[in-house]
Amino acid sequence: ILTPPRPKCVNVALMGCVDFSQVQNVYLTAKKYLGEILSAVEFFDEGSSQLVKRQLGLENPLEACPFYVLIETSGSNEKHDQEKLDSCLEYLLSHKIIEDGTV
């Protein structure tokens, strides 16, 4: 079986959103800014975050928000990929599309 090569670098960012339209805007912005290195976009709500905390004892690194978006990038050039992700996060924060975020 032929499989694609394992990416040399993987980055993950978690962001908090106040409503579902922000979640949708995060997805559209990530597609625009991250293009070929975007490997996953997932979202979950505060109830899911509380369940993870209660069942697994894992703390949410962000302030409580109604929704969260997780973005994963995979690429071959760590510096380039980090710059693209940083640029995307800067845009999202400066345009108030997300409330908080961490890499």
PDB file of N, CA and C in Angstrom:
ATOM      1  N   ILE A   1       0.854  -1.169   0.000  1.00  0.00           N
ATOM      2  CA  ILE A   1       0.000   0.000   0.000  1.00  0.00           C
ATOM      3  C   ILE A   1       0.900   1.231   0.000  1.00  0.00           C
ATOM      4  N   LEU A   2       0.628   2.132  -0.918  1.00  0.00           N
ATOM      5  CA  LEU A   2       1.358   3.394  -0.966  1.00  0.00           C
ATOM      6  C   LEU A   2       0.642   4.438  -0.127  1.00  0.00           C
ATOM      7  N   THR A   3       1.376   5.083   0.720  1.00  0.00           N
ATOM      8  CA  THR A   3       0.807   6.145   1.536  1.00  0.00           C
ATOM      9  C   THR A   3       1.653   7.397   1.365  1.00  0.00           C
ATOM     10  N   PRO A   4       1.057   8.560   1.581  1.00  0.00           N
ATOM     11  CA  PRO A   4       1.851   9.778   1.479  1.00  0.00           C
ATOM     12  C   PRO A   4       2.917   9.820   2.569  1.00  0.00           C
ATOM     13  N   PRO A   5       4.026  10.505   2.303  1.00  0.00           N
ATOM     14  CA  PRO A   5       5.059  10.591   3.337  1.00  0.00           C
ATOM     15  C   PRO A   5       4.558  11.352   4.560  1.00  0.00           C
ATOM     16  N   ARG A   6       5.098  10.991   5.693  1.00  0.00           N
ATOM     17  CA  ARG A   6       4.751  11.655   6.946  1.00  0.00           C
ATOM     18  C   ARG A   6       5.253  13.104   6.897  1.00  0.00           C
ATOM     19  N   PRO A   7       4.413  14.074   7.293  1.00  0.00           N
ATOM     20  CA  PRO A   7       4.860  15.471   7.249  1.00  0.00           C
ATOM     21  C   PRO A   7       6.024  15.719   8.204  1.00  0.00           C
ATOM     22  N   LYS A   8       6.903  16.641   7.814  1.00  0.00           N
ATOM     23  CA  LYS A   8       8.071  16.958   8.632  1.00  0.00           C
ATOM     24  C   LYS A   8       7.696  17.812   9.836  1.00  0.00           C
ATOM     25  N   CYS A   9       6.675  18.649   9.703  1.00  0.00           N
ATOM     26  CA  CYS A   9       6.263  19.472  10.845  1.00  0.00           C
ATOM     27  C   CYS A   9       4.741  19.550  10.905  1.00  0.00           C
ATOM     28  N   VAL A  10       4.236  19.526  12.128  1.00  0.00           N
ATOM     29  CA  VAL A  10       2.796  19.610  12.386  1.00  0.00           C
ATOM     30  C   VAL A  10       2.589  20.693  13.440  1.00  0.00           C
ATOM     31  N   ASN A  11       1.630  21.581  13.193  1.00  0.00           N
ATOM     32  CA  ASN A  11       1.269  22.628  14.143  1.00  0.00           C
ATOM     33  C   ASN A  11      -0.213  22.512  14.456  1.00  0.00           C
ATOM     34  N   VAL A  12      -0.580  22.856  15.669  1.00  0.00           N
ATOM     35  CA  VAL A  12      -1.982  22.832  16.086  1.00  0.00           C
ATOM     36  C   VAL A  12      -2.306  24.146  16.780  1.00  0.00           C
ATOM     37  N   ALA A  13      -3.451  24.720  16.437  1.00  0.00           N
ATOM     38  CA  ALA A  13      -3.930  25.942  17.093  1.00  0.00           C
ATOM     39  C   ALA A  13      -5.351  25.692  17.580  1.00  0.00           C
ATOM     40  N   LEU A  14      -5.658  26.190  18.778  1.00  0.00           N
ATOM     41  CA  LEU A  14      -6.991  26.107  19.355  1.00  0.00           C
ATOM     42  C   LEU A  14      -7.507  27.520  19.553  1.00  0.00           C
ATOM     43  N   MET A  15      -8.732  27.783  19.084  1.00  0.00           N
ATOM     44  CA  MET A  15      -9.311  29.123  19.150  1.00  0.00           C
ATOM     45  C   MET A  15     -10.704  29.075  19.749  1.00  0.00           C
ATOM     46  N   GLY A  16     -11.081  30.143  20.436  1.00  0.00           N
ATOM     47  CA  GLY A  16     -12.412  30.259  21.017  1.00  0.00           C
ATOM     48  C   GLY A  16     -13.272  31.223  20.213  1.00  0.00           C
ATOM     49  N   CYS A  17     -14.544  30.854  20.013  1.00  0.00           N
ATOM     50  CA  CYS A  17     -15.498  31.663  19.240  1.00  0.00           C
ATOM     51  C   CYS A  17     -16.779  31.852  20.046  1.00  0.00           C
ATOM     52  N   VAL A  18     -17.431  33.012  19.851  1.00  0.00           N
ATOM     53  CA  VAL A  18     -18.659  33.276  20.613  1.00  0.00           C
ATOM     54  C   VAL A  18     -19.922  32.788  19.912  1.00  0.00           C
ATOM     55  N   ASP A  19     -19.863  32.560  18.598  1.00  0.00           N
ATOM     56  CA  ASP A  19     -21.042  32.029  17.911  1.00  0.00           C
ATOM     57  C   ASP A  19     -20.616  31.190  16.710  1.00  0.00           C
ATOM     58  N   PHE A  20     -21.583  30.470  16.143  1.00  0.00           N
ATOM     59  CA  PHE A  20     -21.261  29.535  15.070  1.00  0.00           C
ATOM     60  C   PHE A  20     -20.824  30.243  13.793  1.00  0.00           C
ATOM     61  N   SER A  21     -21.280  31.455  13.567  1.00  0.00           N
ATOM     62  CA  SER A  21     -20.832  32.178  12.370  1.00  0.00           C
ATOM     63  C   SER A  21     -19.329  32.454  12.452  1.00  0.00           C
ATOM     64  N   GLN A  22     -18.807  32.666  13.658  1.00  0.00           N
ATOM     65  CA  GLN A  22     -17.365  32.823  13.806  1.00  0.00           C
ATOM     66  C   GLN A  22     -16.638  31.521  13.473  1.00  0.00           C
ATOM     67  N   VAL A  23     -17.200  30.391  13.861  1.00  0.00           N
ATOM     68  CA  VAL A  23     -16.617  29.090  13.527  1.00  0.00           C
ATOM     69  C   VAL A  23     -16.511  28.961  12.010  1.00  0.00           C
ATOM     70  N   GLN A  24     -17.586  29.314  11.307  1.00  0.00           N
ATOM     71  CA  GLN A  24     -17.579  29.239   9.847  1.00  0.00           C
ATOM     72  C   GLN A  24     -16.533  30.181   9.246  1.00  0.00           C
ATOM     73  N   ASN A  25     -16.412  31.379   9.805  1.00  0.00           N
ATOM     74  CA  ASN A  25     -15.423  32.333   9.302  1.00  0.00           C
ATOM     75  C   ASN A  25     -13.997  31.856   9.565  1.00  0.00           C
ATOM     76  N   VAL A  26     -13.769  31.189  10.685  1.00  0.00           N
ATOM     77  CA  VAL A  26     -12.446  30.619  10.953  1.00  0.00           C
ATOM     78  C   VAL A  26     -12.103  29.606   9.869  1.00  0.00           C
ATOM     79  N   TYR A  27     -13.050  28.748   9.530  1.00  0.00           N
ATOM     80  CA  TYR A  27     -12.814  27.734   8.497  1.00  0.00           C
ATOM     81  C   TYR A  27     -12.476  28.380   7.153  1.00  0.00           C
ATOM     82  N   LEU A  28     -13.262  29.363   6.747  1.00  0.00           N
ATOM     83  CA  LEU A  28     -13.013  30.028   5.465  1.00  0.00           C
ATOM     84  C   LEU A  28     -11.666  30.749   5.459  1.00  0.00           C
ATOM     85  N   THR A  29     -11.339  31.405   6.554  1.00  0.00           N
ATOM     86  CA  THR A  29     -10.061  32.115   6.651  1.00  0.00           C
ATOM     87  C   THR A  29      -8.896  31.135   6.641  1.00  0.00           C
ATOM     88  N   ALA A  30      -9.035  30.022   7.351  1.00  0.00           N
ATOM     89  CA  ALA A  30      -7.974  29.012   7.378  1.00  0.00           C
ATOM     90  C   ALA A  30      -7.725  28.453   5.983  1.00  0.00           C
ATOM     91  N   LYS A  31      -8.783  28.187   5.243  1.00  0.00           N
ATOM     92  CA  LYS A  31      -8.619  27.695   3.869  1.00  0.00           C
ATOM     93  C   LYS A  31      -7.865  28.708   3.019  1.00  0.00           C
ATOM     94  N   LYS A  32      -8.180  29.986   3.205  1.00  0.00           N
ATOM     95  CA  LYS A  32      -7.559  31.052   2.417  1.00  0.00           C
ATOM     96  C   LYS A  32      -6.086  31.232   2.795  1.00  0.00           C
ATOM     97  N   TYR A  33      -5.778  31.302   4.093  1.00  0.00           N
ATOM     98  CA  TYR A  33      -4.420  31.603   4.550  1.00  0.00           C
ATOM     99  C   TYR A  33      -3.502  30.383   4.584  1.00  0.00           C
ATOM    100  N   LEU A  34      -4.046  29.215   4.834  1.00  0.00           N
ATOM    101  CA  LEU A  34      -3.206  28.045   5.062  1.00  0.00           C
ATOM    102  C   LEU A  34      -3.160  27.079   3.885  1.00  0.00           C
ATOM    103  N   GLY A  35      -4.156  27.147   3.014  1.00  0.00           N
ATOM    104  CA  GLY A  35      -4.168  26.372   1.775  1.00  0.00           C
ATOM    105  C   GLY A  35      -3.612  24.969   1.867  1.00  0.00           C
ATOM    106  N   GLU A  36      -2.446  24.787   1.228  1.00  0.00           N
ATOM    107  CA  GLU A  36      -1.876  23.449   1.059  1.00  0.00           C
ATOM    108  C   GLU A  36      -1.384  22.810   2.354  1.00  0.00           C
ATOM    109  N   ILE A  37      -1.169  23.588   3.412  1.00  0.00           N
ATOM    110  CA  ILE A  37      -0.690  22.978   4.659  1.00  0.00           C
ATOM    111  C   ILE A  37      -1.816  22.672   5.649  1.00  0.00           C
ATOM    112  N   LEU A  38      -3.036  23.100   5.332  1.00  0.00           N
ATOM    113  CA  LEU A  38      -4.170  22.835   6.218  1.00  0.00           C
ATOM    114  C   LEU A  38      -4.520  21.348   6.150  1.00  0.00           C
ATOM    115  N   SER A  39      -4.414  20.651   7.284  1.00  0.00           N
ATOM    116  CA  SER A  39      -4.689  19.214   7.276  1.00  0.00           C
ATOM    117  C   SER A  39      -5.948  18.831   8.052  1.00  0.00           C
ATOM    118  N   ALA A  40      -6.401  19.695   8.987  1.00  0.00           N
ATOM    119  CA  ALA A  40      -7.621  19.374   9.731  1.00  0.00           C
ATOM    120  C   ALA A  40      -8.224  20.636  10.328  1.00  0.00           C
ATOM    121  N   VAL A  41      -9.560  20.672  10.336  1.00  0.00           N
ATOM    122  CA  VAL A  41     -10.314  21.706  11.034  1.00  0.00           C
ATOM    123  C   VAL A  41     -11.429  20.988  11.783  1.00  0.00           C
ATOM    124  N   GLU A  42     -11.480  21.188  13.087  1.00  0.00           N
ATOM    125  CA  GLU A  42     -12.509  20.559  13.908  1.00  0.00           C
ATOM    126  C   GLU A  42     -13.094  21.610  14.836  1.00  0.00           C
ATOM    127  N   PHE A  43     -14.356  21.435  15.212  1.00  0.00           N
ATOM    128  CA  PHE A  43     -14.947  22.346  16.189  1.00  0.00           C
ATOM    129  C   PHE A  43     -15.699  21.550  17.231  1.00  0.00           C
ATOM    130  N   PHE A  44     -15.832  22.163  18.402  1.00  0.00           N
ATOM    131  CA  PHE A  44     -16.600  21.558  19.482  1.00  0.00           C
ATOM    132  C   PHE A  44     -17.158  22.672  20.345  1.00  0.00           C
ATOM    133  N   ASP A  45     -18.113  22.330  21.196  1.00  0.00           N
ATOM    134  CA  ASP A  45     -18.756  23.355  22.019  1.00  0.00           C
ATOM    135  C   ASP A  45     -18.286  23.276  23.473  1.00  0.00           C
ATOM    136  N   GLU A  46     -18.756  24.223  24.266  1.00  0.00           N
ATOM    137  CA  GLU A  46     -18.341  24.299  25.673  1.00  0.00           C
ATOM    138  C   GLU A  46     -18.763  23.051  26.440  1.00  0.00           C
ATOM    139  N   GLY A  47     -19.926  22.488  26.110  1.00  0.00           N
ATOM    140  CA  GLY A  47     -20.371  21.255  26.771  1.00  0.00           C
ATOM    141  C   GLY A  47     -19.391  20.110  26.549  1.00  0.00           C
ATOM    142  N   SER A  48     -18.870  20.010  25.339  1.00  0.00           N
ATOM    143  CA  SER A  48     -17.868  18.973  25.033  1.00  0.00           C
ATOM    144  C   SER A  48     -16.585  19.226  25.814  1.00  0.00           C
ATOM    145  N   SER A  49     -16.209  20.491  25.917  1.00  0.00           N
ATOM    146  CA  SER A  49     -15.011  20.847  26.681  1.00  0.00           C
ATOM    147  C   SER A  49     -15.171  20.455  28.146  1.00  0.00           C
ATOM    148  N   GLN A  50     -16.340  20.690  28.716  1.00  0.00           N
ATOM    149  CA  GLN A  50     -16.593  20.331  30.114  1.00  0.00           C
ATOM    150  C   GLN A  50     -16.586  18.815  30.306  1.00  0.00           C
ATOM    151  N   LEU A  51     -17.101  18.086  29.323  1.00  0.00           N
ATOM    152  CA  LEU A  51     -17.101  16.626  29.397  1.00  0.00           C
ATOM    153  C   LEU A  51     -15.670  16.079  29.403  1.00  0.00           C
ATOM    154  N   VAL A  52     -14.813  16.627  28.551  1.00  0.00           N
ATOM    155  CA  VAL A  52     -13.404  16.220  28.525  1.00  0.00           C
ATOM    156  C   VAL A  52     -12.746  16.511  29.879  1.00  0.00           C
ATOM    157  N   LYS A  53     -13.048  17.671  30.430  1.00  0.00           N
ATOM    158  CA  LYS A  53     -12.485  18.026  31.738  1.00  0.00           C
ATOM    159  C   LYS A  53     -12.946  17.043  32.810  1.00  0.00           C
ATOM    160  N   ARG A  54     -14.237  16.748  32.810  1.00  0.00           N
ATOM    161  CA  ARG A  54     -14.803  15.869  33.838  1.00  0.00           C
ATOM    162  C   ARG A  54     -14.325  14.422  33.679  1.00  0.00           C
ATOM    163  N   GLN A  55     -14.310  13.907  32.454  1.00  0.00           N
ATOM    164  CA  GLN A  55     -13.979  12.504  32.235  1.00  0.00           C
ATOM    165  C   GLN A  55     -12.476  12.216  32.168  1.00  0.00           C
ATOM    166  N   LEU A  56     -11.705  13.170  31.607  1.00  0.00           N
ATOM    167  CA  LEU A  56     -10.278  12.928  31.408  1.00  0.00           C
ATOM    168  C   LEU A  56      -9.373  13.789  32.278  1.00  0.00           C
ATOM    169  N   GLY A  57      -9.969  14.788  32.941  1.00  0.00           N
ATOM    170  CA  GLY A  57      -9.186  15.656  33.798  1.00  0.00           C
ATOM    171  C   GLY A  57      -8.296  16.631  33.043  1.00  0.00           C
ATOM    172  N   LEU A  58      -8.603  16.887  31.785  1.00  0.00           N
ATOM    173  CA  LEU A  58      -7.806  17.814  30.973  1.00  0.00           C
ATOM    174  C   LEU A  58      -8.411  19.205  31.016  1.00  0.00           C
ATOM    175  N   GLU A  59      -7.576  20.195  31.286  1.00  0.00           N
ATOM    176  CA  GLU A  59      -8.035  21.580  31.358  1.00  0.00           C
ATOM    177  C   GLU A  59      -8.025  22.229  29.974  1.00  0.00           C
ATOM    178  N   ASN A  60      -8.983  23.087  29.737  1.00  0.00           N
ATOM    179  CA  ASN A  60      -9.034  23.882  28.515  1.00  0.00           C
ATOM    180  C   ASN A  60      -8.049  25.046  28.681  1.00  0.00           C
ATOM    181  N   PRO A  61      -7.116  25.237  27.740  1.00  0.00           N
ATOM    182  CA  PRO A  61      -6.139  26.323  27.896  1.00  0.00           C
ATOM    183  C   PRO A  61      -6.704  27.714  27.615  1.00  0.00           C
ATOM    184  N   LEU A  62      -7.938  27.794  27.134  1.00  0.00           N
ATOM    185  CA  LEU A  62      -8.568  29.072  26.800  1.00  0.00           C
ATOM    186  C   LEU A  62      -9.648  29.431  27.811  1.00  0.00           C
ATOM    187  N   GLU A  63     -10.001  30.713  27.820  1.00  0.00           N
ATOM    188  CA  GLU A  63     -11.163  31.151  28.597  1.00  0.00           C
ATOM    189  C   GLU A  63     -12.408  30.469  28.026  1.00  0.00           C
ATOM    190  N   ALA A  64     -13.429  30.282  28.836  1.00  0.00           N
ATOM    191  CA  ALA A  64     -14.657  29.625  28.385  1.00  0.00           C
ATOM    192  C   ALA A  64     -15.300  30.400  27.234  1.00  0.00           C
ATOM    193  N   CYS A  65     -15.655  29.680  26.179  1.00  0.00           N
ATOM    194  CA  CYS A  65     -16.348  30.230  25.004  1.00  0.00           C
ATOM    195  C   CYS A  65     -17.427  29.235  24.591  1.00  0.00           C
ATOM    196  N   PRO A  66     -18.462  29.701  23.917  1.00  0.00           N
ATOM    197  CA  PRO A  66     -19.499  28.777  23.462  1.00  0.00           C
ATOM    198  C   PRO A  66     -18.988  27.731  22.459  1.00  0.00           C
ATOM    199  N   PHE A  67     -17.999  28.119  21.610  1.00  0.00           N
ATOM    200  CA  PHE A  67     -17.462  27.219  20.591  1.00  0.00           C
ATOM    201  C   PHE A  67     -15.942  27.315  20.549  1.00  0.00           C
ATOM    202  N   TYR A  68     -15.334  26.221  20.088  1.00  0.00           N
ATOM    203  CA  TYR A  68     -13.883  26.170  19.909  1.00  0.00           C
ATOM    204  C   TYR A  68     -13.591  25.579  18.542  1.00  0.00           C
ATOM    205  N   VAL A  69     -12.491  26.042  17.937  1.00  0.00           N
ATOM    206  CA  VAL A  69     -12.043  25.494  16.654  1.00  0.00           C
ATOM    207  C   VAL A  69     -10.588  25.074  16.813  1.00  0.00           C
ATOM    208  N   LEU A  70     -10.292  23.862  16.353  1.00  0.00           N
ATOM    209  CA  LEU A  70      -8.941  23.357  16.348  1.00  0.00           C
ATOM    210  C   LEU A  70      -8.482  23.267  14.894  1.00  0.00           C
ATOM    211  N   ILE A  71      -7.331  23.850  14.603  1.00  0.00           N
ATOM    212  CA  ILE A  71      -6.759  23.799  13.261  1.00  0.00           C
ATOM    213  C   ILE A  71      -5.425  23.070  13.351  1.00  0.00           C
ATOM    214  N   GLU A  72      -5.216  22.139  12.419  1.00  0.00           N
ATOM    215  CA  GLU A  72      -3.940  21.436  12.333  1.00  0.00           C
ATOM    216  C   GLU A  72      -3.337  21.697  10.961  1.00  0.00           C
ATOM    217  N   THR A  73      -2.036  21.992  10.951  1.00  0.00           N
ATOM    218  CA  THR A  73      -1.317  22.147   9.690  1.00  0.00           C
ATOM    219  C   THR A  73      -0.237  21.083   9.613  1.00  0.00           C
ATOM    220  N   SER A  74       0.052  20.634   8.403  1.00  0.00           N
ATOM    221  CA  SER A  74       1.107  19.658   8.157  1.00  0.00           C
ATOM    222  C   SER A  74       1.881  20.105   6.927  1.00  0.00           C
ATOM    223  N   GLY A  75       3.187  20.160   7.057  1.00  0.00           N
ATOM    224  CA  GLY A  75       3.986  20.612   5.931  1.00  0.00           C
ATOM    225  C   GLY A  75       5.412  20.122   6.014  1.00  0.00           C
ATOM    226  N   SER A  76       6.245  20.688   5.152  1.00  0.00           N
ATOM    227  CA  SER A  76       7.634  20.240   5.065  1.00  0.00           C
ATOM    228  C   SER A  76       8.641  21.321   5.458  1.00  0.00           C
ATOM    229  N   ASN A  77       8.165  22.557   5.661  1.00  0.00           N
ATOM    230  CA  ASN A  77       9.070  23.647   5.987  1.00  0.00           C
ATOM    231  C   ASN A  77       8.571  24.307   7.272  1.00  0.00           C
ATOM    232  N   GLU A  78       9.197  23.986   8.382  1.00  0.00           N
ATOM    233  CA  GLU A  78       8.706  24.423   9.692  1.00  0.00           C
ATOM    234  C   GLU A  78       8.578  25.943   9.796  1.00  0.00           C
ATOM    235  N   LYS A  79       9.598  26.667   9.365  1.00  0.00           N
ATOM    236  CA  LYS A  79       9.573  28.127   9.471  1.00  0.00           C
ATOM    237  C   LYS A  79       8.444  28.721   8.623  1.00  0.00           C
ATOM    238  N   HIS A  80       8.332  28.260   7.399  1.00  0.00           N
ATOM    239  CA  HIS A  80       7.287  28.748   6.487  1.00  0.00           C
ATOM    240  C   HIS A  80       5.897  28.434   7.028  1.00  0.00           C
ATOM    241  N   ASP A  81       5.719  27.206   7.501  1.00  0.00           N
ATOM    242  CA  ASP A  81       4.415  26.788   8.014  1.00  0.00           C
ATOM    243  C   ASP A  81       4.020  27.599   9.252  1.00  0.00           C
ATOM    244  N   GLN A  82       4.982  27.838  10.142  1.00  0.00           N
ATOM    245  CA  GLN A  82       4.700  28.618  11.353  1.00  0.00           C
ATOM    246  C   GLN A  82       4.341  30.053  10.992  1.00  0.00           C
ATOM    247  N   GLU A  83       5.036  30.631  10.009  1.00  0.00           N
ATOM    248  CA  GLU A  83       4.732  31.996   9.575  1.00  0.00           C
ATOM    249  C   GLU A  83       3.319  32.085   9.003  1.00  0.00           C
ATOM    250  N   LYS A  84       2.926  31.081   8.215  1.00  0.00           N
ATOM    251  CA  LYS A  84       1.571  31.078   7.657  1.00  0.00           C
ATOM    252  C   LYS A  84       0.518  30.969   8.757  1.00  0.00           C
ATOM    253  N   LEU A  85       0.753  30.098   9.726  1.00  0.00           N
ATOM    254  CA  LEU A  85      -0.194  29.933  10.818  1.00  0.00           C
ATOM    255  C   LEU A  85      -0.269  31.199  11.668  1.00  0.00           C
ATOM    256  N   ASP A  86       0.873  31.792  11.968  1.00  0.00           N
ATOM    257  CA  ASP A  86       0.894  33.035  12.739  1.00  0.00           C
ATOM    258  C   ASP A  86       0.143  34.151  12.016  1.00  0.00           C
ATOM    259  N   SER A  87       0.328  34.241  10.713  1.00  0.00           N
ATOM    260  CA  SER A  87      -0.360  35.254   9.906  1.00  0.00           C
ATOM    261  C   SER A  87      -1.874  35.047   9.941  1.00  0.00           C
ATOM    262  N   CYS A  88      -2.292  33.809   9.854  1.00  0.00           N
ATOM    263  CA  CYS A  88      -3.719  33.474   9.911  1.00  0.00           C
ATOM    264  C   CYS A  88      -4.298  33.851  11.275  1.00  0.00           C
ATOM    265  N   LEU A  89      -3.608  33.477  12.350  1.00  0.00           N
ATOM    266  CA  LEU A  89      -4.092  33.792  13.697  1.00  0.00           C
ATOM    267  C   LEU A  89      -4.134  35.294  13.944  1.00  0.00           C
ATOM    268  N   GLU A  90      -3.136  36.003  13.447  1.00  0.00           N
ATOM    269  CA  GLU A  90      -3.116  37.459  13.588  1.00  0.00           C
ATOM    270  C   GLU A  90      -4.325  38.087  12.893  1.00  0.00           C
ATOM    271  N   TYR A  91      -4.634  37.598  11.699  1.00  0.00           N
ATOM    272  CA  TYR A  91      -5.801  38.102  10.972  1.00  0.00           C
ATOM    273  C   TYR A  91      -7.085  37.811  11.756  1.00  0.00           C
ATOM    274  N   LEU A  92      -7.223  36.585  12.241  1.00  0.00           N
ATOM    275  CA  LEU A  92      -8.429  36.194  12.970  1.00  0.00           C
ATOM    276  C   LEU A  92      -8.630  37.039  14.222  1.00  0.00           C
ATOM    277  N   LEU A  93      -7.560  37.290  14.959  1.00  0.00           N
ATOM    278  CA  LEU A  93      -7.657  38.104  16.179  1.00  0.00           C
ATOM    279  C   LEU A  93      -7.924  39.577  15.865  1.00  0.00           C
ATOM    280  N   SER A  94      -7.218  40.121  14.883  1.00  0.00           N
ATOM    281  CA  SER A  94      -7.357  41.546  14.579  1.00  0.00           C
ATOM    282  C   SER A  94      -8.723  41.889  13.984  1.00  0.00           C
ATOM    283  N   HIS A  95      -9.357  40.917  13.337  1.00  0.00           N
ATOM    284  CA  HIS A  95     -10.687  41.134  12.762  1.00  0.00           C
ATOM    285  C   HIS A  95     -11.808  40.622  13.656  1.00  0.00           C
ATOM    286  N   LYS A  96     -11.457  40.290  14.904  1.00  0.00           N
ATOM    287  CA  LYS A  96     -12.443  39.858  15.914  1.00  0.00           C
ATOM    288  C   LYS A  96     -13.242  38.627  15.481  1.00  0.00           C
ATOM    289  N   ILE A  97     -12.618  37.770  14.682  1.00  0.00           N
ATOM    290  CA  ILE A  97     -13.276  36.529  14.251  1.00  0.00           C
ATOM    291  C   ILE A  97     -13.168  35.487  15.358  1.00  0.00           C
ATOM    292  N   ILE A  98     -12.087  35.570  16.151  1.00  0.00           N
ATOM    293  CA  ILE A  98     -11.941  34.699  17.315  1.00  0.00           C
ATOM    294  C   ILE A  98     -11.741  35.572  18.546  1.00  0.00           C
ATOM    295  N   GLU A  99     -12.061  35.023  19.698  1.00  0.00           N
ATOM    296  CA  GLU A  99     -11.928  35.749  20.961  1.00  0.00           C
ATOM    297  C   GLU A  99     -10.582  35.498  21.625  1.00  0.00           C
ATOM    298  N   ASP A 100     -10.041  34.288  21.440  1.00  0.00           N
ATOM    299  CA  ASP A 100      -8.807  33.897  22.091  1.00  0.00           C
ATOM    300  C   ASP A 100      -8.223  32.752  21.288  1.00  0.00           C
ATOM    301  N   GLY A 101      -6.943  32.514  21.441  1.00  0.00           N
ATOM    302  CA  GLY A 101      -6.316  31.406  20.720  1.00  0.00           C
ATOM    303  C   GLY A 101      -4.968  31.051  21.305  1.00  0.00           C
ATOM    304  N   THR A 102      -4.533  29.836  21.036  1.00  0.00           N
ATOM    305  CA  THR A 102      -3.223  29.379  21.477  1.00  0.00           C
ATOM    306  C   THR A 102      -2.696  28.372  20.467  1.00  0.00           C
ATOM    307  N   VAL A 103      -1.370  28.305  20.366  1.00  0.00           N
ATOM    308  CA  VAL A 103      -0.722  27.349  19.459  1.00  0.00           C
ATOM    309  C   VAL A 103      -0.090  26.259  20.296  1.00  0.00           C
TER     310      VAL A 103
END
